[in-house]
Amino acid sequence: MMAKFVPYLPKEHIERDAAALLAEYEQRRGVAIQPPIPIDDIVEKHLKLRIEFDDIHRRYDVPRGPEGDADILGAMFFDEGKIVIDESLDPEESPSKEGRYRFTLAHEGGGHWRLHRHLFAKNPAQATLFGGPAAPSVVCRSSQVKEPVEWQADFYASCLLMPRKQVLAVWAEMFPDRKPRVLQSYSPIDHPFVEVPRGGQQTGDVDNAESDENALDRVARPLAGRFLVSAIAMRIRLETLGLLLRDVPQQRILTSGV
């Protein structure tokens, strides 16, 4: 299916709308949201969207991945106000995929519904299938160019499930020094951050060192548990917020006195 053209939206615009949606929900329900974000309630009771599970690949004759993994995670039907989630993500049947289910629901019911619904208003007869991320790893592969319509929905989902203020609050709770964490440098340098040690080691010609992603995921995992998202999704959000760094910014490298 051809990708839908969408206008450029700054990150700030997307994050503001996600925050506005949470504020609308809080006001309507008379509650103060605490993590994890009640995404099912927001989608079903506030946005009035129906959620269904189905074998989307069989339904649309799209093959699954080589190991049977879902390639399409969700489908949005604007004219029917309905979201169909691939049955492989049903949290009742597969509790380990709850984080991916929640992200897909926020991607469809938050991102696409809030950002893109108006783009389809002129032709509601054409129900449009939006392919969700094949797996959280697709979200974090910087080398893979994503269609703007999907990137926008992904970013919206991250802002909705991991609101800036709440992530900062939980970070301060877990790390009272409130300092960003940076991957341990291979060459010692002075900087104001706290280093994340790299696991593993190099033995002879064999490099058993932990990957950058795995090292940062170790820091993100406790927060991911609080927000009921995957470690990968939380790691990407923390990187976006400047709380997790792969390298020390050049301007923050400290030099000893002149």
Protein backbone atom coordinates (compact mmCIF):
# COMPACT_ATOMS: atom_id res chain seq x y z
CA MET A 1 0.00 0.00 0.00
CA MET A 2 1.26 3.45 -0.89
CA ALA A 3 2.33 5.71 1.93
CA LYS A 4 0.08 8.66 2.70
CA PHE A 5 1.67 12.08 2.30
CA VAL A 6 1.56 14.07 5.52
CA PRO A 7 2.73 17.63 6.15
CA TYR A 8 5.81 18.23 8.26
CA LEU A 9 5.11 18.51 11.98
CA PRO A 10 7.76 19.73 14.45
CA LYS A 11 8.44 17.47 17.42
CA GLU A 12 7.25 20.26 19.71
CA HIS A 13 3.83 20.27 18.01
CA ILE A 14 3.45 16.51 18.38
CA GLU A 15 4.52 16.54 22.03
CA ARG A 16 2.13 19.42 22.82
CA ASP A 17 -0.81 17.55 21.32
CA ALA A 18 0.02 14.39 23.27
CA ALA A 19 0.19 16.46 26.47
CA ALA A 20 -3.13 18.11 25.56
CA LEU A 21 -4.76 14.71 25.11
CA LEU A 22 -3.61 13.64 28.57
CA ALA A 23 -4.89 16.91 30.04
CA GLU A 24 -8.27 16.43 28.33
CA TYR A 25 -8.53 12.94 29.76
CA GLU A 26 -7.60 14.08 33.27
CA GLN A 27 -10.17 16.88 33.18
CA ARG A 28 -12.93 14.68 31.78
CA ARG A 29 -12.31 11.83 34.20
CA GLY A 30 -11.38 13.98 37.18
CA VAL A 31 -8.13 12.11 37.83
CA ALA A 32 -4.43 12.87 37.91
CA ILE A 33 -2.62 10.42 35.66
CA GLN A 34 0.29 8.50 37.11
CA PRO A 35 2.42 5.98 35.22
CA PRO A 36 1.62 3.67 33.63
CA ILE A 37 -0.56 5.77 31.34
CA PRO A 38 -4.05 4.18 31.05
CA ILE A 39 -3.89 3.98 27.25
CA ASP A 40 -6.79 1.51 26.88
CA ASP A 41 -9.10 3.81 28.84
CA ILE A 42 -7.94 6.87 26.91
CA VAL A 43 -8.55 5.21 23.55
CA GLU A 44 -11.84 3.49 24.36
CA LYS A 45 -13.57 5.79 26.85
CA HIS A 46 -12.17 9.19 25.95
CA LEU A 47 -11.56 8.94 22.20
CA LYS A 48 -14.50 6.52 21.80
CA LEU A 49 -12.57 4.14 19.52
CA ARG A 50 -13.28 0.42 19.32
CA ILE A 51 -10.40 -1.99 19.79
CA GLU A 52 -10.49 -5.41 18.13
CA PHE A 53 -7.99 -8.23 17.74
CA ASP A 54 -7.60 -10.22 14.53
CA ASP A 55 -5.03 -12.09 12.45
CA ILE A 56 -4.23 -9.05 10.33
CA HIS A 57 -1.80 -10.93 8.11
CA ARG A 58 -4.38 -13.51 7.13
CA ARG A 59 -7.05 -10.84 6.82
CA TYR A 60 -5.00 -8.80 4.34
CA ASP A 61 -2.97 -11.66 2.85
CA VAL A 62 0.33 -10.22 4.08
CA PRO A 63 3.01 -12.78 5.03
CA ARG A 64 4.51 -12.71 8.51
CA GLY A 65 8.22 -12.51 9.18
CA PRO A 66 10.56 -15.50 8.76
CA GLU A 67 9.92 -16.58 12.36
CA GLY A 68 6.22 -15.86 12.30
CA ASP A 69 6.65 -12.39 13.75
CA ALA A 70 4.01 -9.78 13.06
CA ASP A 71 4.97 -7.38 10.30
CA ILE A 72 1.78 -5.33 10.57
CA LEU A 73 0.80 -4.66 14.16
CA GLY A 74 -2.26 -2.49 13.83
CA ALA A 75 -4.85 -1.13 11.43
CA MET A 76 -6.79 2.10 11.77
CA PHE A 77 -10.23 2.61 10.23
CA PHE A 78 -11.05 6.31 10.52
CA ASP A 79 -14.53 6.07 9.10
CA GLU A 80 -15.53 3.35 11.57
CA GLY A 81 -13.64 4.72 14.56
CA LYS A 82 -12.01 1.30 14.94
CA ILE A 83 -8.53 -0.03 15.64
CA VAL A 84 -7.62 -3.61 14.81
CA ILE A 85 -4.57 -4.99 16.61
CA ASP A 86 -2.82 -8.14 15.46
CA GLU A 87 -3.85 -11.03 17.68
CA SER A 88 -0.21 -11.84 18.43
CA LEU A 89 -0.11 -8.73 20.65
CA ASP A 90 -3.16 -9.59 22.75
CA PRO A 91 -1.83 -8.96 26.28
CA GLU A 92 -4.26 -11.52 27.71
CA GLU A 93 -2.71 -14.24 25.54
CA SER A 94 0.84 -12.89 25.41
CA PRO A 95 1.64 -10.90 28.59
CA SER A 96 5.26 -10.49 27.52
CA LYS A 97 4.09 -8.34 24.59
CA GLU A 98 2.10 -5.90 26.69
CA GLY A 99 4.60 -3.11 26.09
CA ARG A 100 4.41 -3.58 22.34
CA TYR A 101 0.62 -3.76 22.48
CA ARG A 102 0.42 -0.50 24.44
CA PHE A 103 2.80 1.26 22.05
CA THR A 104 0.83 0.04 19.03
CA LEU A 105 -2.42 1.23 20.59
CA ALA A 106 -0.90 4.65 21.31
CA HIS A 107 0.55 4.73 17.78
CA GLU A 108 -2.83 4.05 16.19
CA GLY A 109 -5.31 5.64 18.60
CA GLY A 110 -3.05 8.48 19.65
CA GLY A 111 -0.78 9.30 16.73
CA HIS A 112 -2.84 8.46 13.68
CA TRP A 113 -6.22 9.41 15.13
CA ARG A 114 -5.09 12.77 16.52
CA LEU A 115 -2.63 13.79 13.82
CA HIS A 116 -3.90 12.27 10.58
CA ARG A 117 -7.65 11.78 10.81
CA HIS A 118 -8.41 15.04 9.01
CA LEU A 119 -6.29 14.01 6.04
CA PHE A 120 -8.77 11.25 5.23
CA ALA A 121 -11.97 13.19 5.89
CA LYS A 122 -12.62 13.91 2.20
CA ASN A 123 -12.75 10.27 1.24
CA PRO A 124 -14.00 8.22 4.20
CA ALA A 125 -15.01 5.35 1.91
CA GLN A 126 -11.40 4.34 1.55
CA ALA A 127 -10.53 2.55 4.78
CA THR A 128 -6.79 2.91 5.19
CA LEU A 129 -4.49 0.38 6.76
CA PHE A 130 -1.57 1.81 8.67
CA GLY A 131 1.28 -0.60 9.25
CA GLY A 132 2.63 -0.25 12.79
CA PRO A 133 6.34 -0.81 13.53
CA ALA A 134 7.31 -4.43 12.76
CA ALA A 135 9.05 -4.56 16.16
CA PRO A 136 10.47 -2.04 18.61
CA SER A 137 13.88 -2.68 16.94
CA VAL A 138 12.55 -0.97 13.75
CA VAL A 139 11.83 2.14 15.83
CA CYS A 140 15.42 2.33 17.01
CA ARG A 141 17.22 1.58 13.70
CA SER A 142 18.50 4.98 12.76
CA SER A 143 19.76 3.67 9.41
CA GLN A 144 16.24 2.76 8.31
CA VAL A 145 14.28 5.61 6.77
CA LYS A 146 10.70 5.60 8.02
CA GLU A 147 7.75 7.11 6.25
CA PRO A 148 6.81 10.45 7.88
CA VAL A 149 3.25 9.24 8.58
CA GLU A 150 4.64 6.37 10.67
CA TRP A 151 7.41 8.36 12.32
CA GLN A 152 4.91 10.97 13.48
CA ALA A 153 2.63 8.31 14.97
CA ASP A 154 5.59 6.62 16.67
CA PHE A 155 6.81 9.85 18.21
CA TYR A 156 3.29 10.69 19.35
CA ALA A 157 3.03 7.28 21.02
CA SER A 158 6.31 7.82 22.88
CA CYS A 159 5.18 11.24 24.13
CA LEU A 160 1.78 9.88 25.15
CA LEU A 161 3.03 6.80 27.01
CA MET A 162 6.15 8.48 28.43
CA PRO A 163 5.22 12.13 29.10
CA ARG A 164 8.21 14.40 29.57
CA LYS A 165 7.27 15.65 33.07
CA GLN A 166 6.53 12.18 34.39
CA VAL A 167 9.68 10.66 32.94
CA LEU A 168 11.75 13.45 34.49
CA ALA A 169 10.02 12.89 37.84
CA VAL A 170 10.67 9.14 37.83
CA TRP A 171 14.26 9.74 36.70
CA ALA A 172 14.79 12.07 39.67
CA GLU A 173 13.25 9.46 41.96
CA MET A 174 15.56 6.71 40.70
CA PHE A 175 18.60 8.96 40.37
CA PRO A 176 18.48 11.68 43.07
CA ASP A 177 21.50 13.41 41.50
CA ARG A 178 19.25 14.00 38.43
CA LYS A 179 22.30 13.82 36.18
CA PRO A 180 22.17 12.35 32.67
CA ARG A 181 23.89 9.02 32.16
CA VAL A 182 26.47 8.55 29.44
CA LEU A 183 28.11 5.43 28.08
CA GLN A 184 31.53 4.80 29.55
CA SER A 185 34.13 6.28 27.26
CA TYR A 186 36.87 4.04 25.91
CA SER A 187 39.34 6.83 26.72
CA PRO A 188 38.96 8.48 30.17
CA ILE A 189 37.79 12.09 29.95
CA ASP A 190 36.47 14.55 32.51
CA HIS A 191 32.78 15.42 32.19
CA PRO A 192 29.81 16.24 34.47
CA PHE A 193 27.76 13.11 33.73
CA VAL A 194 27.50 9.71 35.39
CA GLU A 195 28.94 6.91 33.28
CA VAL A 196 27.13 3.71 32.36
CA PRO A 197 29.73 0.91 32.51
CA ARG A 198 29.99 -1.34 29.50
CA GLY A 199 29.48 -5.02 30.27
CA GLY A 200 31.65 -7.76 28.81
CA GLN A 201 35.22 -7.41 27.73
CA GLN A 202 37.56 -8.05 24.85
CA THR A 203 39.50 -11.30 25.08
CA GLY A 204 42.31 -11.50 22.59
CA ASP A 205 40.83 -10.94 19.16
CA VAL A 206 37.29 -11.69 20.38
CA ASP A 207 35.21 -8.65 21.32
CA ASN A 208 32.63 -9.68 23.93
CA ALA A 209 31.83 -6.11 24.91
CA GLU A 210 28.19 -5.28 25.46
CA SER A 211 26.57 -3.31 22.65
CA ASP A 212 25.76 0.34 23.23
CA GLU A 213 22.05 -0.42 22.99
CA ASN A 214 22.17 -3.20 25.58
CA ALA A 215 24.17 -1.08 28.00
CA LEU A 216 21.71 1.79 27.73
CA ASP A 217 18.75 -0.61 27.92
CA ARG A 218 20.00 -1.68 31.37
CA VAL A 219 19.48 1.89 32.58
CA ALA A 220 16.14 2.24 30.80
CA ARG A 221 14.64 -1.07 31.95
CA PRO A 222 13.56 0.00 35.49
CA LEU A 223 11.80 3.05 34.07
CA ALA A 224 10.26 0.94 31.33
CA GLY A 225 8.70 -1.21 34.02
CA ARG A 226 7.10 1.82 35.65
CA PHE A 227 5.58 3.01 32.37
CA LEU A 228 4.77 -0.47 30.99
CA VAL A 229 6.71 0.02 27.78
CA SER A 230 9.59 -1.91 26.28
CA ALA A 231 13.14 -1.14 27.37
CA ILE A 232 13.90 -0.14 23.78
CA ALA A 233 11.02 2.37 23.67
CA MET A 234 12.08 3.86 27.00
CA ARG A 235 15.73 4.02 25.98
CA ILE A 236 14.83 5.94 22.82
CA ARG A 237 12.65 8.33 24.84
CA LEU A 238 15.43 8.90 27.39
CA GLU A 239 17.87 9.60 24.57
CA THR A 240 15.40 12.07 23.05
CA LEU A 241 15.09 13.84 26.41
CA GLY A 242 18.87 14.02 26.82
CA LEU A 243 18.92 11.78 29.89
CA LEU A 244 20.82 8.96 28.19
CA LEU A 245 23.82 9.81 26.04
CA ARG A 246 25.98 7.64 23.82
CA ASP A 247 28.82 10.16 23.84
CA VAL A 248 29.77 13.16 25.92
CA PRO A 249 28.88 16.34 24.00
CA GLN A 250 32.10 18.09 23.04
CA GLN A 251 31.09 21.29 24.81
CA ARG A 252 30.64 19.37 28.07
CA ILE A 253 34.11 17.85 28.16
CA LEU A 254 35.92 19.44 31.08
CA THR A 255 39.45 20.65 30.74
CA SER A 256 41.80 21.13 33.63
CA GLY A 257 42.87 24.65 34.45
CA VAL A 258 44.92 26.65 32.01
